[in-house]
Amino acid sequence: MQQSRVFEFQRSASLRCKLGNLVSRVGQLIGESCPTLHRELGNLIEQVGQPANTSWAVRFMIMALCVVLINTSCAKHEHEHEHEYNDGIEDNVILLERSNNSAYHNNSTYTLYEYDAKRRITKRSVYYYPEILYTAYTFTYDADAIALKIEGSETTTFTQNGNKISFIEDKNISLEIELNAQGFPVKQTSILVYGSDHYDMKSSSFTWENGNLIQVDTERYWKEEEYGMEYYNIITSIYTYDTVKSPFYYCTTPKWFLLYWLGVDYCSVNNIEKADVSEKYSLSFLGRSSNVHTQTWANTYNDDGFLATRKEVGYAHGRSFIYANLKNK
């Protein structure tokens, strides 16, 4: 009988040791993913473990229940945070709501932007002053495609296959964009063909640094057989940036689409201050020529550290930007 009791005691001690190790490991895992709730778990376990007459089985069941409840709460908390900001990078997210363009003199325009819960552009509406809608663009997203709908026209779908983006329209226009490992566009080729006498091919390569597009190298070949015209040019543009957040800093629409649809000004994390441009071109009836010039912009900023106004030096007209603060909505 005494030997049996010793055996039971040893088996009980071994079980307690294994259960203790298991609870410690579970607590460690929770601590790595959710520190605040880990502390709550520790407090509960300490309270449960106080009574000396509480059996290990009962204590383990209560602790296991605590683990389930806390783990569920942690997952719910992380899911809610993800839904609000997608990646939860900051509590104060600012998105471009409106840009005003005074480049058209008396027919100035303004553009309104709308976004989904993941901070992707879903609509871009361009107006003439005061409230005349010029055109509206709507965007829809799925796992491997972006569909662009221009009011009054057909929908264009950009499809992703691996690191390549492409679309073909009416067998006359084709586009292919190549992405790097970070999802940034590094090459873009477009071909426009009308019949057998009109051909236009444009190929660009892109260099990125710290989220900014710092260089674009473009080659273009254009031919119009009906009029006996051929055109070829090479352009290199090198961009210098400020250190202030750009209008689409928090926007999560893919950079390749921002670059393709809105241009160089809107695809980087900072704002262009200077562009050094070198161009060489050949036109059938004018011969070869070249051109080197520099463009500069005067930027002003708001109190939130975003671009407020932008104007190319030497021109009277420019753009201004109005933002929406999601924290205040």
Protein backbone atom coordinates (compact mmCIF):
# COMPACT_ATOMS: atom_id res chain seq x y z
CA MET A 1 0.00 0.00 0.00
CA GLN A 2 2.82 2.40 0.98
CA GLN A 3 4.62 1.66 -2.30
CA SER A 4 1.39 2.43 -4.25
CA ARG A 5 1.06 5.79 -2.51
CA VAL A 6 4.66 6.68 -3.32
CA PHE A 7 4.04 5.78 -6.98
CA GLU A 8 0.88 7.93 -7.10
CA PHE A 9 2.73 10.82 -5.47
CA GLN A 10 5.56 10.59 -8.02
CA ARG A 11 3.10 10.38 -10.92
CA SER A 12 1.20 13.40 -9.52
CA ALA A 13 4.44 15.36 -9.17
CA SER A 14 5.40 14.51 -12.74
CA LEU A 15 1.98 15.58 -14.01
CA ARG A 16 2.17 18.85 -12.07
CA CYS A 17 5.56 19.50 -13.59
CA LYS A 18 4.32 18.86 -17.14
CA LEU A 19 1.19 20.99 -16.63
CA GLY A 20 3.28 23.76 -15.14
CA ASN A 21 5.65 23.72 -18.13
CA LEU A 22 2.72 23.74 -20.55
CA VAL A 23 1.04 26.72 -18.87
CA SER A 24 4.37 28.59 -18.81
CA ARG A 25 4.85 27.98 -22.55
CA VAL A 26 1.31 29.11 -23.37
CA GLY A 27 1.86 32.22 -21.30
CA GLN A 28 5.10 32.90 -23.16
CA LEU A 29 3.39 32.63 -26.54
CA ILE A 30 0.65 35.02 -25.47
CA GLY A 31 3.24 37.37 -24.02
CA GLU A 32 5.00 37.55 -27.40
CA SER A 33 1.84 38.48 -29.29
CA CYS A 34 -0.18 40.41 -26.71
CA PRO A 35 1.84 41.67 -23.68
CA THR A 36 -1.03 43.47 -21.91
CA LEU A 37 -3.26 40.43 -21.92
CA HIS A 38 -0.31 38.30 -20.83
CA ARG A 39 -0.12 40.34 -17.64
CA GLU A 40 -3.83 39.77 -17.08
CA LEU A 41 -3.30 36.03 -17.51
CA GLY A 42 -0.50 36.10 -14.94
CA ASN A 43 -2.71 37.85 -12.40
CA LEU A 44 -5.53 35.36 -12.89
CA ILE A 45 -3.21 32.36 -12.57
CA GLU A 46 -1.71 33.80 -9.39
CA GLN A 47 -5.16 34.24 -7.87
CA VAL A 48 -6.26 30.73 -8.84
CA GLY A 49 -3.07 29.20 -7.44
CA GLN A 50 -3.47 30.71 -3.96
CA PRO A 51 -5.78 28.12 -2.27
CA ALA A 52 -3.67 25.22 -1.06
CA ASN A 53 -6.49 22.73 -1.39
CA THR A 54 -7.21 23.52 -5.04
CA SER A 55 -6.38 20.47 -7.14
CA TRP A 56 -3.99 20.74 -10.06
CA ALA A 57 -6.69 19.51 -12.45
CA VAL A 58 -9.10 22.29 -11.39
CA ARG A 59 -6.40 24.93 -11.51
CA PHE A 60 -5.28 23.80 -14.97
CA MET A 61 -8.85 23.84 -16.32
CA ILE A 62 -9.36 27.39 -15.04
CA MET A 63 -6.04 28.51 -16.47
CA ALA A 64 -6.85 26.88 -19.83
CA LEU A 65 -10.16 28.76 -19.88
CA CYS A 66 -8.27 31.99 -19.17
CA VAL A 67 -5.94 31.27 -22.10
CA VAL A 68 -8.86 30.73 -24.50
CA LEU A 69 -10.69 33.88 -23.41
CA ILE A 70 -7.60 36.06 -23.48
CA ASN A 71 -6.40 34.70 -26.80
CA THR A 72 -9.83 35.37 -28.31
CA SER A 73 -9.83 38.91 -26.97
CA CYS A 74 -6.34 39.50 -28.34
CA ALA A 75 -7.33 38.28 -31.81
CA LYS A 76 -10.45 40.44 -31.74
CA HIS A 77 -8.43 43.47 -30.67
CA GLU A 78 -5.89 42.99 -33.47
CA HIS A 79 -8.63 42.45 -36.06
CA GLU A 80 -10.45 45.63 -35.08
CA HIS A 81 -7.24 47.63 -35.27
CA GLU A 82 -6.47 46.18 -38.70
CA HIS A 83 -9.95 47.03 -39.99
CA GLU A 84 -9.64 50.64 -38.91
CA TYR A 85 -6.28 51.47 -40.50
CA ASN A 86 -5.40 48.33 -42.46
CA ASP A 87 -1.82 48.17 -41.16
CA GLY A 88 -2.17 50.33 -38.05
CA ILE A 89 0.88 52.44 -38.82
CA GLU A 90 -0.37 55.51 -36.96
CA ASP A 91 -3.41 56.73 -35.07
CA ASN A 92 -3.58 59.95 -37.05
CA VAL A 93 -3.99 59.16 -40.76
CA ILE A 94 -4.27 62.04 -43.23
CA LEU A 95 -5.48 61.57 -46.82
CA LEU A 96 -5.77 64.00 -49.71
CA GLU A 97 -9.40 65.03 -50.06
CA ARG A 98 -9.22 67.83 -52.63
CA SER A 99 -6.68 69.42 -54.96
CA ASN A 100 -7.24 72.78 -56.66
CA ASN A 101 -5.62 73.43 -60.01
CA SER A 102 -5.39 77.01 -61.25
CA ALA A 103 -3.51 76.13 -64.43
CA TYR A 104 -6.56 76.70 -66.62
CA HIS A 105 -6.86 80.39 -65.83
CA ASN A 106 -10.56 81.33 -65.69
CA ASN A 107 -11.58 77.68 -66.11
CA SER A 108 -9.77 76.43 -63.00
CA THR A 109 -10.50 72.88 -61.92
CA TYR A 110 -10.58 70.99 -58.66
CA THR A 111 -10.42 67.26 -57.97
CA LEU A 112 -12.11 65.29 -55.18
CA TYR A 113 -10.85 61.92 -53.90
CA GLU A 114 -12.69 59.13 -52.11
CA TYR A 115 -11.19 56.06 -50.38
CA ASP A 116 -12.16 52.65 -49.03
CA ALA A 117 -11.45 51.31 -45.52
CA LYS A 118 -7.97 50.24 -46.66
CA ARG A 119 -7.10 53.81 -47.76
CA ARG A 120 -7.20 52.97 -51.48
CA ILE A 121 -8.61 55.49 -53.95
CA THR A 122 -12.09 54.42 -55.08
CA LYS A 123 -13.21 57.57 -56.90
CA ARG A 124 -11.60 60.63 -58.47
CA SER A 125 -13.96 63.37 -59.65
CA VAL A 126 -12.73 66.37 -61.65
CA TYR A 127 -14.83 69.57 -61.65
CA TYR A 128 -14.74 72.92 -63.36
CA TYR A 129 -15.58 75.82 -61.06
CA PRO A 130 -18.02 76.28 -59.53
CA GLU A 131 -19.57 72.77 -59.53
CA ILE A 132 -19.56 71.44 -63.08
CA LEU A 133 -18.51 67.80 -63.22
CA TYR A 134 -16.00 67.29 -66.01
CA THR A 135 -15.38 63.58 -65.55
CA ALA A 136 -15.34 60.90 -62.85
CA TYR A 137 -13.10 57.87 -62.45
CA THR A 138 -14.00 54.92 -60.24
CA PHE A 139 -11.65 52.16 -59.11
CA THR A 140 -12.38 48.67 -57.80
CA TYR A 141 -9.84 46.21 -56.42
CA ASP A 142 -9.48 42.47 -56.02
CA ALA A 143 -6.56 40.15 -55.26
CA ASP A 144 -4.82 40.46 -58.63
CA ALA A 145 -6.55 43.26 -60.57
CA ILE A 146 -7.62 46.89 -60.55
CA ALA A 147 -10.61 47.93 -62.66
CA LEU A 148 -10.75 51.55 -63.85
CA LYS A 149 -14.07 52.95 -65.00
CA ILE A 150 -14.20 56.34 -66.71
CA GLU A 151 -17.66 57.83 -66.78
CA GLY A 152 -19.19 57.29 -70.19
CA SER A 153 -16.64 54.76 -71.37
CA GLU A 154 -15.77 51.10 -71.03
CA THR A 155 -14.04 49.62 -67.98
CA THR A 156 -10.30 48.95 -68.24
CA THR A 157 -8.95 46.11 -66.08
CA PHE A 158 -5.30 45.95 -65.10
CA THR A 159 -4.40 42.34 -64.30
CA GLN A 160 -1.44 41.18 -62.21
CA ASN A 161 0.36 37.90 -62.90
CA GLY A 162 3.38 37.45 -60.66
CA ASN A 163 5.44 40.64 -60.94
CA LYS A 164 3.80 41.75 -64.22
CA ILE A 165 0.83 44.11 -64.67
CA SER A 166 -0.87 44.22 -68.07
CA PHE A 167 -3.90 45.31 -70.00
CA ILE A 168 -4.96 45.21 -73.64
CA GLU A 169 -7.62 47.53 -75.05
CA ASP A 170 -9.30 46.91 -78.42
CA LYS A 171 -6.14 45.10 -79.61
CA ASN A 172 -4.73 48.56 -80.38
CA ILE A 173 -3.31 49.56 -77.00
CA SER A 174 -1.23 47.32 -74.78
CA LEU A 175 0.60 48.02 -71.54
CA GLU A 176 2.96 45.97 -69.39
CA ILE A 177 4.46 47.05 -66.06
CA GLU A 178 7.18 45.10 -64.28
CA LEU A 179 7.43 45.26 -60.47
CA ASN A 180 10.37 44.69 -58.13
CA ALA A 181 10.24 42.64 -54.90
CA GLN A 182 8.78 45.61 -52.99
CA GLY A 183 5.96 46.05 -55.52
CA PHE A 184 7.45 49.23 -57.02
CA PRO A 185 7.31 49.63 -60.82
CA VAL A 186 10.76 49.29 -62.42
CA LYS A 187 9.78 49.10 -66.10
CA GLN A 188 6.77 50.12 -68.17
CA THR A 189 6.17 49.48 -71.86
CA SER A 190 3.20 50.70 -73.87
CA ILE A 191 2.42 50.09 -77.53
CA LEU A 192 -0.20 51.89 -79.61
CA VAL A 193 -1.01 50.52 -83.06
CA TYR A 194 -3.60 51.87 -85.52
CA GLY A 195 -3.75 49.89 -88.75
CA SER A 196 -0.49 49.27 -90.55
CA ASP A 197 0.70 52.86 -90.83
CA HIS A 198 0.65 54.16 -87.24
CA TYR A 199 2.94 52.77 -84.53
CA ASP A 200 3.88 54.32 -81.19
CA MET A 201 6.08 52.49 -78.64
CA LYS A 202 7.20 53.92 -75.32
CA SER A 203 9.43 52.17 -72.77
CA SER A 204 10.44 53.60 -69.38
CA SER A 205 12.63 52.30 -66.56
CA PHE A 206 12.30 53.60 -62.99
CA THR A 207 14.84 53.91 -60.17
CA TRP A 208 13.62 54.20 -56.55
CA GLU A 209 15.30 55.32 -53.36
CA ASN A 210 13.69 55.53 -49.90
CA GLY A 211 10.20 55.41 -51.39
CA ASN A 212 10.88 58.16 -53.94
CA LEU A 213 11.14 57.84 -57.72
CA ILE A 214 14.54 59.43 -58.34
CA GLN A 215 15.14 58.67 -62.03
CA VAL A 216 13.10 57.89 -65.13
CA ASP A 217 14.74 56.78 -68.38
CA THR A 218 12.37 56.77 -71.36
CA GLU A 219 12.76 55.72 -74.98
CA ARG A 220 10.03 56.42 -77.53
CA TYR A 221 9.67 55.46 -81.18
CA TRP A 222 6.82 56.85 -83.26
CA LYS A 223 6.06 56.23 -86.94
CA GLU A 224 3.37 57.59 -89.25
CA GLU A 225 3.86 55.99 -92.67
CA GLU A 226 1.04 57.88 -94.35
CA TYR A 227 2.91 61.17 -93.89
CA GLY A 228 6.41 59.69 -94.05
CA MET A 229 7.23 60.71 -90.48
CA GLU A 230 9.46 58.97 -87.95
CA TYR A 231 10.33 60.18 -84.47
CA TYR A 232 12.73 58.78 -81.88
CA ASN A 233 13.78 60.25 -78.55
CA ILE A 234 15.51 59.38 -75.29
CA ILE A 235 14.71 61.31 -72.09
CA THR A 236 16.40 61.01 -68.71
CA SER A 237 14.80 62.79 -65.76
CA ILE A 238 16.52 62.94 -62.35
CA TYR A 239 14.40 64.13 -59.42
CA THR A 240 15.36 65.79 -56.13
CA TYR A 241 12.90 65.72 -53.20
CA ASP A 242 12.11 67.57 -50.00
CA THR A 243 11.65 65.69 -46.71
CA VAL A 244 7.93 66.43 -46.24
CA LYS A 245 5.08 63.93 -46.67
CA SER A 246 3.46 63.91 -50.11
CA PRO A 247 -0.33 64.15 -50.67
CA PHE A 248 -0.69 60.35 -51.01
CA TYR A 249 1.77 59.42 -48.24
CA TYR A 250 -0.84 57.32 -46.41
CA CYS A 251 -2.71 56.16 -49.52
CA THR A 252 -2.30 52.40 -50.14
CA THR A 253 -3.29 52.35 -53.81
CA PRO A 254 -0.35 50.50 -55.46
CA LYS A 255 2.51 52.76 -56.50
CA TRP A 256 2.52 51.39 -60.03
CA PHE A 257 -1.06 52.58 -60.48
CA LEU A 258 -0.43 56.00 -58.92
CA LEU A 259 2.53 56.44 -61.28
CA TYR A 260 0.64 55.24 -64.36
CA TRP A 261 -2.56 57.16 -63.71
CA LEU A 262 -1.51 60.29 -61.79
CA GLY A 263 2.13 60.69 -62.78
CA VAL A 264 5.48 61.26 -61.10
CA ASP A 265 4.19 63.97 -58.75
CA TYR A 266 1.93 61.61 -56.79
CA CYS A 267 3.69 58.26 -56.50
CA SER A 268 6.52 59.10 -54.06
CA VAL A 269 6.54 59.58 -50.28
CA ASN A 270 8.06 63.09 -50.54
CA ASN A 271 7.61 66.05 -52.92
CA ILE A 272 9.68 66.92 -55.99
CA GLU A 273 11.68 70.14 -55.70
CA LYS A 274 13.79 69.84 -58.83
CA ALA A 275 13.97 67.82 -62.06
CA ASP A 276 17.09 67.71 -64.23
CA VAL A 277 16.00 66.66 -67.72
CA SER A 278 18.20 65.54 -70.61
CA GLU A 279 16.59 64.83 -73.98
CA LYS A 280 17.90 63.59 -77.31
CA TYR A 281 15.58 63.23 -80.25
CA SER A 282 15.46 62.63 -83.97
CA LEU A 283 12.64 63.71 -86.28
CA SER A 284 12.59 62.62 -89.91
CA PHE A 285 12.39 66.10 -91.47
CA LEU A 286 14.29 68.05 -88.78
CA GLY A 287 17.27 65.80 -88.08
CA ARG A 288 18.86 65.21 -84.69
CA SER A 289 18.77 67.56 -81.72
CA SER A 290 19.21 67.59 -77.95
CA ASN A 291 18.00 69.58 -74.99
CA VAL A 292 19.03 69.86 -71.34
CA HIS A 293 17.02 71.85 -68.83
CA THR A 294 16.07 72.05 -65.15
CA GLN A 295 12.60 72.45 -63.66
CA THR A 296 12.12 73.66 -60.08
CA TRP A 297 9.05 73.90 -57.85
CA ALA A 298 8.20 76.15 -54.93
CA ASN A 299 6.41 74.14 -52.25
CA THR A 300 4.68 75.30 -49.08
CA TYR A 301 3.50 73.08 -46.21
CA ASN A 302 0.69 72.92 -43.65
CA ASP A 303 0.89 72.47 -39.87
CA ASP A 304 0.48 68.68 -40.19
CA GLY A 305 3.67 68.41 -42.23
CA PHE A 306 2.07 67.85 -45.65
CA LEU A 307 2.33 69.62 -48.98
CA ALA A 308 -0.05 72.62 -49.01
CA THR A 309 0.72 74.41 -52.29
CA ARG A 310 2.91 73.65 -55.28
CA LYS A 311 3.95 75.87 -58.17
CA GLU A 312 6.57 75.46 -60.85
CA VAL A 313 9.02 78.36 -60.71
CA GLY A 314 8.45 80.76 -63.60
CA TYR A 315 4.72 80.05 -63.89
CA ALA A 316 1.89 82.03 -62.29
CA HIS A 317 -0.43 79.10 -61.65
CA GLY A 318 -0.14 76.07 -59.43
CA ARG A 319 -1.98 73.66 -57.13
CA SER A 320 -3.22 73.64 -53.57
CA PHE A 321 -4.14 70.63 -51.45
CA ILE A 322 -6.80 70.04 -48.78
CA TYR A 323 -6.68 66.96 -46.53
CA ALA A 324 -9.03 64.88 -44.41
CA ASN A 325 -7.88 63.75 -40.98
CA LEU A 326 -9.36 60.30 -40.30
CA LYS A 327 -8.83 60.65 -36.57
CA ASN A 328 -11.35 63.50 -36.52
CA LYS A 329 -14.01 61.73 -38.61
